[in-house]
C-alpha atoms as a PDB file:
ATOM      1  CA  MET A   1     104.073 100.490 -66.047  1.00  0.00           C
ATOM      2  CA  LYS A   2     105.892 101.670 -62.946  1.00  0.00           C
ATOM      3  CA  ARG A   3     104.127 104.822 -61.878  1.00  0.00           C
ATOM      4  CA  ALA A   4     107.175 106.187 -60.086  1.00  0.00           C
ATOM      5  CA  GLY A   5     109.069 106.368 -63.379  1.00  0.00           C
ATOM      6  CA  LEU A   6     106.130 107.756 -65.278  1.00  0.00           C
ATOM      7  CA  MET A   7     105.452 110.595 -62.949  1.00  0.00           C
ATOM      8  CA  ALA A   8     109.048 111.411 -61.801  1.00  0.00           C
ATOM      9  CA  ALA A   9     119.546 115.978-100.325  1.00  0.00           C
ATOM     10  CA  SER A  10     116.244 116.069-102.150  1.00  0.00           C
ATOM     11  CA  ILE A  11     115.331 112.492-101.228  1.00  0.00           C
ATOM     12  CA  LEU A  12     114.930 113.577 -97.654  1.00  0.00           C
ATOM     13  CA  LEU A  13     113.332 116.958 -97.785  1.00  0.00           C
ATOM     14  CA  ALA A  14     109.839 116.029 -98.880  1.00  0.00           C
ATOM     15  CA  ALA A  15     108.767 118.882 -96.646  1.00  0.00           C
ATOM     16  CA  SER A  16     110.411 121.186 -94.152  1.00  0.00           C
ATOM     17  CA  VAL A  17     107.611 122.296 -91.886  1.00  0.00           C
ATOM     18  CA  LEU A  18     109.308 124.558 -89.401  1.00  0.00           C
ATOM     19  CA  GLY A  19     112.470 126.579 -89.120  1.00  0.00           C
ATOM     20  CA  GLY A  20     115.425 127.201 -91.341  1.00  0.00           C
ATOM     21  CA  CYS A  21     118.587 125.290 -92.261  1.00  0.00           C
ATOM     22  CA  ALA A  22     119.232 121.746 -91.035  1.00  0.00           C
ATOM     23  CA  GLY A  23     121.765 121.041 -88.350  1.00  0.00           C
ATOM     24  CA  GLY A  24     124.006 123.289 -86.394  1.00  0.00           C
ATOM     25  CA  SER A  25     123.618 125.404 -83.319  1.00  0.00           C
ATOM     26  CA  SER A  26     124.393 129.063 -82.887  1.00  0.00           C
ATOM     27  CA  ASP A  27     125.645 128.530 -79.328  1.00  0.00           C
ATOM     28  CA  GLY A  28     126.845 124.954 -79.318  1.00  0.00           C
ATOM     29  CA  GLY A  29     123.533 123.629 -78.063  1.00  0.00           C
ATOM     30  CA  SER A  30     123.611 125.364 -74.692  1.00  0.00           C
ATOM     31  CA  GLY A  31     119.952 126.319 -74.732  1.00  0.00           C
ATOM     32  CA  LYS A  32     118.393 129.619 -75.781  1.00  0.00           C
ATOM     33  CA  GLY A  33     119.182 130.533 -79.361  1.00  0.00           C
ATOM     34  CA  SER A  34     120.277 127.036 -80.321  1.00  0.00           C
ATOM     35  CA  ARG A  35     118.657 124.909 -83.021  1.00  0.00           C
ATOM     36  CA  ILE A  36     117.497 121.290 -83.008  1.00  0.00           C
ATOM     37  CA  THR A  37     117.024 119.302 -86.207  1.00  0.00           C
ATOM     38  CA  LEU A  38     114.346 116.614 -86.087  1.00  0.00           C
ATOM     39  CA  TYR A  39     113.843 113.853 -88.652  1.00  0.00           C
ATOM     40  CA  SER A  40     110.346 112.377 -88.576  1.00  0.00           C
ATOM     41  CA  PRO A  41     107.983 110.418 -90.840  1.00  0.00           C
ATOM     42  CA  GLU A  42     105.004 111.434 -88.694  1.00  0.00           C
ATOM     43  CA  THR A  43     102.275 113.702 -90.092  1.00  0.00           C
ATOM     44  CA  PRO A  44     103.870 117.086 -90.915  1.00  0.00           C
ATOM     45  CA  ASP A  45     101.139 119.170 -89.269  1.00  0.00           C
ATOM     46  CA  PHE A  46     101.409 117.043 -86.133  1.00  0.00           C
ATOM     47  CA  THR A  47     105.189 117.331 -85.847  1.00  0.00           C
ATOM     48  CA  LYS A  48     104.961 121.047 -86.632  1.00  0.00           C
ATOM     49  CA  GLU A  49     102.639 121.446 -83.662  1.00  0.00           C
ATOM     50  CA  LEU A  50     105.067 119.610 -81.397  1.00  0.00           C
ATOM     51  CA  ALA A  51     107.951 121.748 -82.625  1.00  0.00           C
ATOM     52  CA  GLN A  52     106.032 124.970 -82.100  1.00  0.00           C
ATOM     53  CA  LYS A  53     105.079 123.998 -78.534  1.00  0.00           C
ATOM     54  CA  TYR A  54     108.708 123.132 -77.751  1.00  0.00           C
ATOM     55  CA  GLN A  55     109.864 126.455 -79.133  1.00  0.00           C
ATOM     56  CA  GLU A  56     107.290 128.282 -76.993  1.00  0.00           C
ATOM     57  CA  THR A  57     108.345 126.515 -73.810  1.00  0.00           C
ATOM     58  CA  HIS A  58     112.108 126.289 -74.371  1.00  0.00           C
ATOM     59  CA  ASP A  59     112.980 129.265 -76.595  1.00  0.00           C
ATOM     60  CA  GLU A  60     114.938 126.899 -78.825  1.00  0.00           C
ATOM     61  CA  LYS A  61     114.174 126.415 -82.516  1.00  0.00           C
ATOM     62  CA  VAL A  62     113.250 123.026 -83.989  1.00  0.00           C
ATOM     63  CA  ASP A  63     113.625 122.298 -87.696  1.00  0.00           C
ATOM     64  CA  VAL A  64     111.397 119.380 -88.687  1.00  0.00           C
ATOM     65  CA  HIS A  65     112.303 117.453 -91.817  1.00  0.00           C
ATOM     66  CA  TYR A  66     109.675 115.047 -93.068  1.00  0.00           C
ATOM     67  CA  ALA A  67     110.115 111.929 -95.219  1.00  0.00           C
ATOM     68  CA  GLY A  68     109.152 108.268 -95.151  1.00  0.00           C
ATOM     69  CA  THR A  69     110.872 106.052 -92.610  1.00  0.00           C
ATOM     70  CA  ASN A  70     113.045 104.179 -95.107  1.00  0.00           C
ATOM     71  CA  VAL A  71     114.129 107.440 -96.746  1.00  0.00           C
ATOM     72  CA  LEU A  72     115.080 108.897 -93.370  1.00  0.00           C
ATOM     73  CA  VAL A  73     117.082 105.831 -92.386  1.00  0.00           C
ATOM     74  CA  ASN A  74     118.940 105.897 -95.684  1.00  0.00           C
ATOM     75  CA  GLN A  75     119.630 109.604 -95.199  1.00  0.00           C
ATOM     76  CA  MET A  76     120.994 109.038 -91.695  1.00  0.00           C
ATOM     77  CA  LEU A  77     123.230 106.288 -93.032  1.00  0.00           C
ATOM     78  CA  ALA A  78     124.489 108.587 -95.787  1.00  0.00           C
ATOM     79  CA  GLU A  79     125.215 111.261 -93.169  1.00  0.00           C
ATOM     80  CA  LYS A  80     126.759 108.882 -90.660  1.00  0.00           C
ATOM     81  CA  ASP A  81     130.229 110.449 -90.865  1.00  0.00           C
ATOM     82  CA  ASN A  82     128.787 113.958 -90.608  1.00  0.00           C
ATOM     83  CA  PRO A  83     125.298 113.820 -89.025  1.00  0.00           C
ATOM     84  CA  LYS A  84     122.970 116.688 -89.836  1.00  0.00           C
ATOM     85  CA  ALA A  85     120.122 115.858 -87.432  1.00  0.00           C
ATOM     86  CA  ASP A  86     119.834 115.533 -83.667  1.00  0.00           C
ATOM     87  CA  VAL A  87     116.660 113.500 -83.128  1.00  0.00           C
ATOM     88  CA  TRP A  88     114.692 110.816 -84.990  1.00  0.00           C
ATOM     89  CA  TYR A  89     111.065 110.489 -83.882  1.00  0.00           C
ATOM     90  CA  GLY A  90     108.505 107.981 -85.109  1.00  0.00           C
ATOM     91  CA  GLY A  91     108.256 105.305 -87.733  1.00  0.00           C
ATOM     92  CA  GLY A  92     105.220 103.172 -87.004  1.00  0.00           C
ATOM     93  CA  GLY A  93     106.687 101.453 -83.964  1.00  0.00           C
ATOM     94  CA  ILE A  94     109.957  99.962 -82.816  1.00  0.00           C
ATOM     95  CA  LEU A  95     110.925  97.753 -85.749  1.00  0.00           C
ATOM     96  CA  PRO A  96     112.740 100.407 -87.836  1.00  0.00           C
ATOM     97  CA  PHE A  97     114.583 101.555 -84.710  1.00  0.00           C
ATOM     98  CA  GLU A  98     115.574  98.008 -83.809  1.00  0.00           C
ATOM     99  CA  ALA A  99     116.942  97.483 -87.305  1.00  0.00           C
ATOM    100  CA  ALA A 100     118.872 100.772 -87.054  1.00  0.00           C
ATOM    101  CA  VAL A 101     120.634  99.905 -83.791  1.00  0.00           C
ATOM    102  CA  GLU A 102     123.262  97.761 -85.524  1.00  0.00           C
ATOM    103  CA  LYS A 103     123.845 100.430 -88.180  1.00  0.00           C
ATOM    104  CA  GLY A 104     125.498 102.771 -85.692  1.00  0.00           C
ATOM    105  CA  ILE A 105     123.294 105.792 -86.337  1.00  0.00           C
ATOM    106  CA  LEU A 106     121.495 105.880 -82.976  1.00  0.00           C
ATOM    107  CA  GLY A 107     122.980 107.410 -79.871  1.00  0.00           C
ATOM    108  CA  LYS A 108     122.003 106.424 -76.343  1.00  0.00           C
ATOM    109  CA  TYR A 109     119.681 108.430 -74.151  1.00  0.00           C
ATOM    110  CA  ILE A 110     116.873 107.460 -71.772  1.00  0.00           C
ATOM    111  CA  PRO A 111     115.119 110.382 -70.047  1.00  0.00           C
ATOM    112  CA  ASP A 112     114.697 110.381 -66.274  1.00  0.00           C
ATOM    113  CA  PHE A 113     110.952 110.029 -66.894  1.00  0.00           C
ATOM    114  CA  ALA A 114     111.519 106.527 -68.300  1.00  0.00           C
ATOM    115  CA  ALA A 115     114.482 105.474 -66.170  1.00  0.00           C
ATOM    116  CA  ASP A 116     112.412 103.120 -63.985  1.00  0.00           C
ATOM    117  CA  TRP A 117     110.495 101.495 -66.820  1.00  0.00           C
ATOM    118  CA  ASP A 118     111.123  97.814 -67.421  1.00  0.00           C
ATOM    119  CA  ILE A 119     112.434  97.107 -70.904  1.00  0.00           C
ATOM    120  CA  VAL A 120     109.345  94.969 -71.560  1.00  0.00           C
ATOM    121  CA  GLU A 121     106.160  95.618 -69.617  1.00  0.00           C
ATOM    122  CA  ASN A 122     103.012  93.540 -70.143  1.00  0.00           C
ATOM    123  CA  GLY A 123     104.305  92.295 -73.480  1.00  0.00           C
ATOM    124  CA  ILE A 124     105.153  95.809 -74.712  1.00  0.00           C
ATOM    125  CA  LYS A 125     108.803  96.689 -75.291  1.00  0.00           C
ATOM    126  CA  MET A 126     108.987 100.165 -73.773  1.00  0.00           C
ATOM    127  CA  LYS A 127     112.610 101.070 -74.447  1.00  0.00           C
ATOM    128  CA  HIS A 128     115.817  99.646 -75.844  1.00  0.00           C
ATOM    129  CA  GLY A 129     117.944  97.682 -73.406  1.00  0.00           C
ATOM    130  CA  ASP A 130     121.073  99.686 -74.222  1.00  0.00           C
ATOM    131  CA  GLY A 131     119.273 103.020 -74.319  1.00  0.00           C
ATOM    132  CA  ASN A 132     119.133 103.500 -78.095  1.00  0.00           C
ATOM    133  CA  TYR A 133     115.463 104.517 -78.090  1.00  0.00           C
ATOM    134  CA  VAL A 134     112.544 105.135 -75.762  1.00  0.00           C
ATOM    135  CA  GLY A 135     108.819 104.922 -76.439  1.00  0.00           C
ATOM    136  CA  VAL A 136     106.740 108.083 -76.260  1.00  0.00           C
ATOM    137  CA  GLU A 137     103.277 106.814 -77.281  1.00  0.00           C
ATOM    138  CA  ILE A 138     101.423 103.581 -78.039  1.00  0.00           C
ATOM    139  CA  PHE A 139     100.181 102.160 -81.344  1.00  0.00           C
ATOM    140  CA  VAL A 140      97.835  99.156 -81.646  1.00  0.00           C
ATOM    141  CA  LEU A 141      97.465  97.011 -84.771  1.00  0.00           C
ATOM    142  CA  GLY A 142      93.846  96.096 -85.385  1.00  0.00           C
ATOM    143  CA  PHE A 143      90.758  96.445 -87.571  1.00  0.00           C
ATOM    144  CA  ALA A 144      89.003  99.570 -88.819  1.00  0.00           C
ATOM    145  CA  TYR A 145      85.472  99.009 -90.040  1.00  0.00           C
ATOM    146  CA  ASN A 146      82.806 101.061 -91.781  1.00  0.00           C
ATOM    147  CA  THR A 147      79.944 101.467 -89.321  1.00  0.00           C
ATOM    148  CA  GLU A 148      77.379 101.907 -92.115  1.00  0.00           C
ATOM    149  CA  LEU A 149      78.358  98.578 -93.651  1.00  0.00           C
ATOM    150  CA  VAL A 150      79.311  96.549 -90.570  1.00  0.00           C
ATOM    151  CA  THR A 151      77.672  96.480 -87.140  1.00  0.00           C
ATOM    152  CA  GLU A 152      79.724  96.457 -83.960  1.00  0.00           C
ATOM    153  CA  GLU A 153      78.460  92.960 -83.225  1.00  0.00           C
ATOM    154  CA  GLU A 154      79.501  91.461 -86.558  1.00  0.00           C
ATOM    155  CA  ALA A 155      82.854  93.254 -86.802  1.00  0.00           C
ATOM    156  CA  PRO A 156      85.790  90.798 -86.578  1.00  0.00           C
ATOM    157  CA  LYS A 157      87.222  90.341 -83.082  1.00  0.00           C
ATOM    158  CA  THR A 158      90.164  88.026 -83.873  1.00  0.00           C
ATOM    159  CA  TRP A 159      92.655  87.647 -86.728  1.00  0.00           C
ATOM    160  CA  GLU A 160      90.967  84.355 -87.594  1.00  0.00           C
ATOM    161  CA  ASP A 161      87.638  86.164 -88.007  1.00  0.00           C
ATOM    162  CA  LEU A 162      89.043  87.891 -91.091  1.00  0.00           C
ATOM    163  CA  LEU A 163      88.830  84.553 -92.897  1.00  0.00           C
ATOM    164  CA  ASP A 164      85.036  84.345 -92.521  1.00  0.00           C
ATOM    165  CA  PRO A 165      83.558  83.918 -96.025  1.00  0.00           C
ATOM    166  CA  LYS A 166      81.275  86.912 -95.448  1.00  0.00           C
ATOM    167  CA  TRP A 167      84.306  89.201 -95.751  1.00  0.00           C
ATOM    168  CA  GLU A 168      85.410  87.883 -99.147  1.00  0.00           C
ATOM    169  CA  GLY A 169      86.217  90.860-101.364  1.00  0.00           C
ATOM    170  CA  LYS A 170      85.507  93.301 -98.533  1.00  0.00           C
ATOM    171  CA  ILE A 171      88.876  93.536 -96.766  1.00  0.00           C
ATOM    172  CA  GLN A 172      91.911  95.702 -97.410  1.00  0.00           C
ATOM    173  CA  PHE A 173      95.315  95.474 -95.797  1.00  0.00           C
ATOM    174  CA  PRO A 174      98.647  97.012 -96.794  1.00  0.00           C
ATOM    175  CA  ASN A 175     101.147  95.172 -98.954  1.00  0.00           C
ATOM    176  CA  PRO A 176     103.697  93.553 -96.590  1.00  0.00           C
ATOM    177  CA  ALA A 177     106.391  93.838 -99.270  1.00  0.00           C
ATOM    178  CA  ALA A 178     106.091  97.636 -98.993  1.00  0.00           C
ATOM    179  CA  SER A 179     104.421  98.494 -95.693  1.00  0.00           C
ATOM    180  CA  GLY A 180     105.992  98.067 -92.291  1.00  0.00           C
ATOM    181  CA  THR A 181     102.503  98.011 -90.771  1.00  0.00           C
ATOM    182  CA  ALA A 182     101.628  94.904 -92.762  1.00  0.00           C
ATOM    183  CA  THR A 183     105.032  93.277 -92.275  1.00  0.00           C
ATOM    184  CA  LEU A 184     104.308  93.476 -88.547  1.00  0.00           C
ATOM    185  CA  MET A 185     101.014  91.648 -89.160  1.00  0.00           C
ATOM    186  CA  VAL A 186     102.788  88.842 -91.015  1.00  0.00           C
ATOM    187  CA  MET A 187     105.578  88.419 -88.497  1.00  0.00           C
ATOM    188  CA  ASP A 188     103.139  88.387 -85.591  1.00  0.00           C
ATOM    189  CA  GLN A 189     101.314  85.445 -87.174  1.00  0.00           C
ATOM    190  CA  MET A 190     104.603  83.621 -87.701  1.00  0.00           C
ATOM    191  CA  MET A 191     105.807  84.134 -84.147  1.00  0.00           C
ATOM    192  CA  ARG A 192     102.520  82.969 -82.645  1.00  0.00           C
ATOM    193  CA  ASN A 193     101.639  80.126 -84.990  1.00  0.00           C
ATOM    194  CA  GLY A 194     104.800  79.126 -86.873  1.00  0.00           C
ATOM    195  CA  GLU A 195     105.755  79.985 -90.428  1.00  0.00           C
ATOM    196  CA  ASP A 196     103.917  77.143 -92.192  1.00  0.00           C
ATOM    197  CA  GLU A 197     100.616  77.909 -90.487  1.00  0.00           C
ATOM    198  CA  ALA A 198     101.104  81.633 -91.027  1.00  0.00           C
ATOM    199  CA  TRP A 199     101.704  81.244 -94.757  1.00  0.00           C
ATOM    200  CA  ALA A 200      98.594  79.068 -94.978  1.00  0.00           C
ATOM    201  CA  TYR A 201      96.641  81.784 -93.177  1.00  0.00           C
ATOM    202  CA  PHE A 202      97.795  84.462 -95.590  1.00  0.00           C
ATOM    203  CA  GLU A 203      97.037  82.299 -98.618  1.00  0.00           C
ATOM    204  CA  LYS A 204      93.424  82.513 -97.430  1.00  0.00           C
ATOM    205  CA  LEU A 205      93.518  86.159 -96.340  1.00  0.00           C
ATOM    206  CA  VAL A 206      94.850  87.368 -99.702  1.00  0.00           C
ATOM    207  CA  LYS A 207      91.777  85.825-101.343  1.00  0.00           C
ATOM    208  CA  GLN A 208      89.565  87.868 -98.994  1.00  0.00           C
ATOM    209  CA  ALA A 209      91.150  91.191-100.016  1.00  0.00           C
ATOM    210  CA  ASN A 210      89.922  93.513-102.731  1.00  0.00           C
ATOM    211  CA  SER A 211      93.180  95.492-102.624  1.00  0.00           C
ATOM    212  CA  MET A 212      96.610  95.510-100.970  1.00  0.00           C
ATOM    213  CA  PRO A 213      97.929  99.084-101.342  1.00  0.00           C
ATOM    214  CA  ASP A 214     101.522  99.942-100.513  1.00  0.00           C
ATOM    215  CA  SER A 215     100.604 102.619 -97.967  1.00  0.00           C
ATOM    216  CA  GLY A 216      99.857 101.594 -94.392  1.00  0.00           C
ATOM    217  CA  SER A 217      97.083 104.195 -94.026  1.00  0.00           C
ATOM    218  CA  THR A 218      95.290 103.710 -97.354  1.00  0.00           C
ATOM    219  CA  PRO A 219      93.133 100.718 -96.290  1.00  0.00           C
ATOM    220  CA  THR A 220      91.637 102.696 -93.399  1.00  0.00           C
ATOM    221  CA  LYS A 221      90.897 105.609 -95.723  1.00  0.00           C
ATOM    222  CA  SER A 222      89.253 103.129 -98.105  1.00  0.00           C
ATOM    223  CA  VAL A 223      87.012 101.966 -95.276  1.00  0.00           C
ATOM    224  CA  SER A 224      85.964 105.569 -94.611  1.00  0.00           C
ATOM    225  CA  MET A 225      84.967 105.906 -98.281  1.00  0.00           C
ATOM    226  CA  GLY A 226      83.058 102.613 -98.332  1.00  0.00           C
ATOM    227  CA  GLU A 227      85.561 100.974-100.688  1.00  0.00           C
ATOM    228  CA  ALA A 228      86.164  98.265 -98.105  1.00  0.00           C
ATOM    229  CA  HIS A 229      84.223  96.999 -95.115  1.00  0.00           C
ATOM    230  CA  ILE A 230      87.265  96.070 -93.016  1.00  0.00           C
ATOM    231  CA  ALA A 231      90.862  97.332 -92.974  1.00  0.00           C
ATOM    232  CA  VAL A 232      94.006  96.350 -91.109  1.00  0.00           C
ATOM    233  CA  GLY A 233      95.864  99.324 -89.664  1.00  0.00           C
ATOM    234  CA  PHE A 234      96.908 101.186 -86.548  1.00  0.00           C
ATOM    235  CA  ASP A 235      94.329 102.546 -84.132  1.00  0.00           C
ATOM    236  CA  PHE A 236      95.030 106.255 -84.657  1.00  0.00           C
ATOM    237  CA  MET A 237      94.348 105.918 -88.389  1.00  0.00           C
ATOM    238  CA  ALA A 238      90.761 104.904 -87.651  1.00  0.00           C
ATOM    239  CA  TYR A 239      90.170 107.457 -84.913  1.00  0.00           C
ATOM    240  CA  GLU A 240      91.485 110.291 -87.101  1.00  0.00           C
ATOM    241  CA  GLN A 241      88.879 109.358 -89.708  1.00  0.00           C
ATOM    242  CA  LYS A 242      86.162 109.034 -87.080  1.00  0.00           C
ATOM    243  CA  ALA A 243      87.006 112.497 -85.718  1.00  0.00           C
ATOM    244  CA  LYS A 244      86.507 113.910 -89.217  1.00  0.00           C
ATOM    245  CA  GLY A 245      82.928 112.607 -89.135  1.00  0.00           C
ATOM    246  CA  GLU A 246      83.569 109.488 -91.201  1.00  0.00           C
ATOM    247  CA  SER A 247      81.666 106.276 -90.464  1.00  0.00           C
ATOM    248  CA  VAL A 248      84.656 104.427 -89.037  1.00  0.00           C
ATOM    249  CA  ASP A 249      85.381 102.619 -85.788  1.00  0.00           C
ATOM    250  CA  PHE A 250      88.139 100.350 -84.529  1.00  0.00           C
ATOM    251  CA  VAL A 251      88.481  96.886 -83.012  1.00  0.00           C
ATOM    252  CA  VAL A 252      91.445  95.737 -80.928  1.00  0.00           C
ATOM    253  CA  PRO A 253      91.862  92.014 -81.712  1.00  0.00           C
ATOM    254  CA  ASP A 254      92.028  89.583 -78.806  1.00  0.00           C
ATOM    255  CA  LYS A 255      95.795  89.228 -79.253  1.00  0.00           C
ATOM    256  CA  THR A 256      97.740  91.665 -81.392  1.00  0.00           C
ATOM    257  CA  PRO A 257     100.964  93.701 -81.621  1.00  0.00           C
ATOM    258  CA  VAL A 258     100.966  96.704 -79.306  1.00  0.00           C
ATOM    259  CA  LEU A 259     104.021  98.887 -79.896  1.00  0.00           C
ATOM    260  CA  VAL A 260     105.594 102.028 -78.584  1.00  0.00           C
ATOM    261  CA  ASN A 261     106.395 104.642 -81.177  1.00  0.00           C
ATOM    262  CA  PRO A 262     109.963 105.629 -80.248  1.00  0.00           C
ATOM    263  CA  VAL A 263     112.335 108.524 -80.316  1.00  0.00           C
ATOM    264  CA  SER A 264     116.139 108.396 -80.426  1.00  0.00           C
ATOM    265  CA  ILE A 265     119.068 110.758 -80.236  1.00  0.00           C
ATOM    266  CA  ILE A 266     121.212 110.582 -83.403  1.00  0.00           C
ATOM    267  CA  GLU A 267     124.802 109.519 -82.821  1.00  0.00           C
ATOM    268  CA  GLY A 268     127.145 112.462 -83.294  1.00  0.00           C
ATOM    269  CA  GLY A 269     124.390 114.972 -84.030  1.00  0.00           C
ATOM    270  CA  PRO A 270     125.363 118.657 -83.965  1.00  0.00           C
ATOM    271  CA  ASN A 271     123.214 119.548 -80.930  1.00  0.00           C
ATOM    272  CA  GLU A 272     123.208 116.530 -78.629  1.00  0.00           C
ATOM    273  CA  GLU A 273     122.104 118.438 -75.526  1.00  0.00           C
ATOM    274  CA  GLY A 274     119.275 120.095 -77.437  1.00  0.00           C
ATOM    275  CA  GLY A 275     118.229 116.689 -78.766  1.00  0.00           C
ATOM    276  CA  LYS A 276     118.075 115.331 -75.225  1.00  0.00           C
ATOM    277  CA  ARG A 277     115.938 118.265 -74.144  1.00  0.00           C
ATOM    278  CA  PHE A 278     113.546 117.610 -77.015  1.00  0.00           C
ATOM    279  CA  ILE A 279     113.254 113.923 -76.073  1.00  0.00           C
ATOM    280  CA  ASP A 280     112.484 114.951 -72.482  1.00  0.00           C
ATOM    281  CA  PHE A 281     109.828 117.277 -73.887  1.00  0.00           C
ATOM    282  CA  LEU A 282     108.132 114.492 -75.889  1.00  0.00           C
ATOM    283  CA  LEU A 283     107.323 112.713 -72.627  1.00  0.00           C
ATOM    284  CA  SER A 284     106.093 115.898 -70.958  1.00  0.00           C
ATOM    285  CA  LYS A 285     102.442 116.719 -70.373  1.00  0.00           C
ATOM    286  CA  ASP A 286     102.499 119.430 -73.069  1.00  0.00           C
ATOM    287  CA  ALA A 287     103.737 117.118 -75.820  1.00  0.00           C
ATOM    288  CA  GLN A 288     101.688 114.143 -74.693  1.00  0.00           C
ATOM    289  CA  GLN A 289      98.544 116.281 -74.845  1.00  0.00           C
ATOM    290  CA  ILE A 290      99.325 117.119 -78.470  1.00  0.00           C
ATOM    291  CA  MET A 291      99.763 113.409 -79.207  1.00  0.00           C
ATOM    292  CA  ALA A 292      96.439 112.664 -77.527  1.00  0.00           C
ATOM    293  CA  ASN A 293      94.771 115.424 -79.540  1.00  0.00           C
ATOM    294  CA  TRP A 294      95.955 113.604 -82.683  1.00  0.00           C
ATOM    295  CA  TYR A 295      94.354 110.362 -81.368  1.00  0.00           C
ATOM    296  CA  HIS A 296      97.608 108.705 -80.353  1.00  0.00           C
ATOM    297  CA  ILE A 297      97.628 106.791 -77.055  1.00  0.00           C
ATOM    298  CA  PRO A 298      99.704 108.794 -74.546  1.00  0.00           C
ATOM    299  CA  ILE A 299     102.203 107.181 -72.175  1.00  0.00           C
ATOM    300  CA  ASN A 300     102.258 109.967 -69.591  1.00  0.00           C
ATOM    301  CA  PRO A 301      99.475 109.118 -67.070  1.00  0.00           C
ATOM    302  CA  GLU A 302      98.723 112.813 -66.525  1.00  0.00           C
ATOM    303  CA  VAL A 303      97.257 112.952 -70.040  1.00  0.00           C
ATOM    304  CA  GLU A 304      93.952 111.331 -70.964  1.00  0.00           C
ATOM    305  CA  SER A 305      93.533 109.469 -74.236  1.00  0.00           C
ATOM    306  CA  LYS A 306      90.980 110.986 -76.620  1.00  0.00           C
ATOM    307  CA  THR A 307      90.033 107.523 -77.854  1.00  0.00           C
ATOM    308  CA  PRO A 308      88.585 104.557 -75.930  1.00  0.00           C
ATOM    309  CA  LEU A 309      92.098 103.058 -75.835  1.00  0.00           C
ATOM    310  CA  THR A 310      94.556 103.578 -72.993  1.00  0.00           C
ATOM    311  CA  LEU A 311      97.779 101.906 -71.977  1.00  0.00           C
ATOM    312  CA  ASP A 312      95.948 100.147 -69.158  1.00  0.00           C
ATOM    313  CA  ASN A 313      93.108  98.701 -71.233  1.00  0.00           C
ATOM    314  CA  ILE A 314      95.125  97.572 -74.255  1.00  0.00           C
ATOM    315  CA  LYS A 315      98.037  95.892 -72.496  1.00  0.00           C
ATOM    316  CA  GLU A 316      96.008  92.703 -71.992  1.00  0.00           C
ATOM    317  CA  HIS A 317      95.800  92.375 -75.780  1.00  0.00           C
ATOM    318  CA  ALA A 318      99.555  92.712 -76.333  1.00  0.00           C
ATOM    319  CA  VAL A 319     101.635  89.850 -77.680  1.00  0.00           C
ATOM    320  CA  GLU A 320     105.319  89.896 -76.825  1.00  0.00           C
ATOM    321  CA  LEU A 321     107.397  90.110 -79.974  1.00  0.00           C
ATOM    322  CA  ASP A 322     110.663  88.228 -80.372  1.00  0.00           C
ATOM    323  CA  ILE A 323     112.642  91.235 -81.542  1.00  0.00           C
ATOM    324  CA  ASP A 324     115.806  89.251 -82.258  1.00  0.00           C
ATOM    325  CA  TRP A 325     113.812  86.964 -84.550  1.00  0.00           C
ATOM    326  CA  VAL A 326     112.167  89.952 -86.217  1.00  0.00           C
ATOM    327  CA  ASN A 327     115.513  91.607 -86.880  1.00  0.00           C
ATOM    328  CA  ALA A 328     116.973  88.386 -88.302  1.00  0.00           C
ATOM    329  CA  ASN A 329     114.015  87.613 -90.561  1.00  0.00           C
ATOM    330  CA  TYR A 330     112.417  90.944 -91.486  1.00  0.00           C
ATOM    331  CA  ASP A 331     113.901  91.291 -94.974  1.00  0.00           C
ATOM    332  CA  ARG A 332     113.524  87.578 -95.741  1.00  0.00           C
ATOM    333  CA  VAL A 333     109.837  87.568 -94.867  1.00  0.00           C
ATOM    334  CA  ARG A 334     109.140  90.607 -97.042  1.00  0.00           C
ATOM    335  CA  SER A 335     110.973  89.012 -99.946  1.00  0.00           C
ATOM    336  CA  GLU A 336     109.093  85.747 -99.511  1.00  0.00           C
ATOM    337  CA  TRP A 337     105.791  87.610 -99.440  1.00  0.00           C
ATOM    338  CA  GLN A 338     106.627  89.297-102.708  1.00  0.00           C
ATOM    339  CA  ALA A 339     107.609  85.989-104.283  1.00  0.00           C
ATOM    340  CA  LYS A 340     104.396  84.288-103.128  1.00  0.00           C
ATOM    341  CA  PHE A 341     101.771  86.955-103.714  1.00  0.00           C
ATOM    342  CA  GLN A 342     103.011  89.462-106.311  1.00  0.00           C
END
């Protein structure tokens, strides 16, 4: 990454973790006394902490509304003619944001902090080419393993290693028909090896699994409880469990998807200027430290990762995703998975 740039309604409201009513601004979004509404599927306690820090440093309230990514996207579409939120942050990587670009719900804003970033750096798409989103942290798709059941030496190091007969009945991964995390796994195989070879691979991998839950985080939790030896998931899921004292560690496969987790301004939101300030804040040292404390990989080089993974040491593992192909085939692949395996 270029160091100059780095340094320079009930369906939605599953929880409202900070603040009062959604939308609006008491002073037109001019700063003090105004209100920002944030939609996010990220962990409520985590986003609450970010909102509280912003409020401390900017004297501007942030209402965080939590729901799953698909629910949030549907809500933003329903509100398209009269948007209620200003910012959308998070969703397990760029794919939901890419799919939303054509739906007309995302505004355009790239902070000065990221102005000099290349769109794709070392195989990682850092921001949208037209400014519809910008990455604020890094997620890596890989393998959690139970350290009481699997040694570091025998833990799988490649996607092909998951097919070793010794893992039969000992693996969990999310259901790609329901989980974006697992859909990413499937599409990565297809882009690297072709669809026929990828389907053949998954015919074998399904036979290795003892469960394919709908939630992207459940397999890692199952590993922590000894219900599986190996799980497919994002890095922070494993390190959160490890920090709780669970017998879990994480492997970055030799080649694997490495994604930014983005943020975007919402087109026509009631407090556009406040939304821009909040996006600037997410790339600041204060916010990036909170992300690091929750075991996410920070992008700001002034903040140290609290896991062994950093932007510098994971970029060599990144595979460049053909986003146009993903957007064109995402729904088809999920439907085909369901037809083949459920």
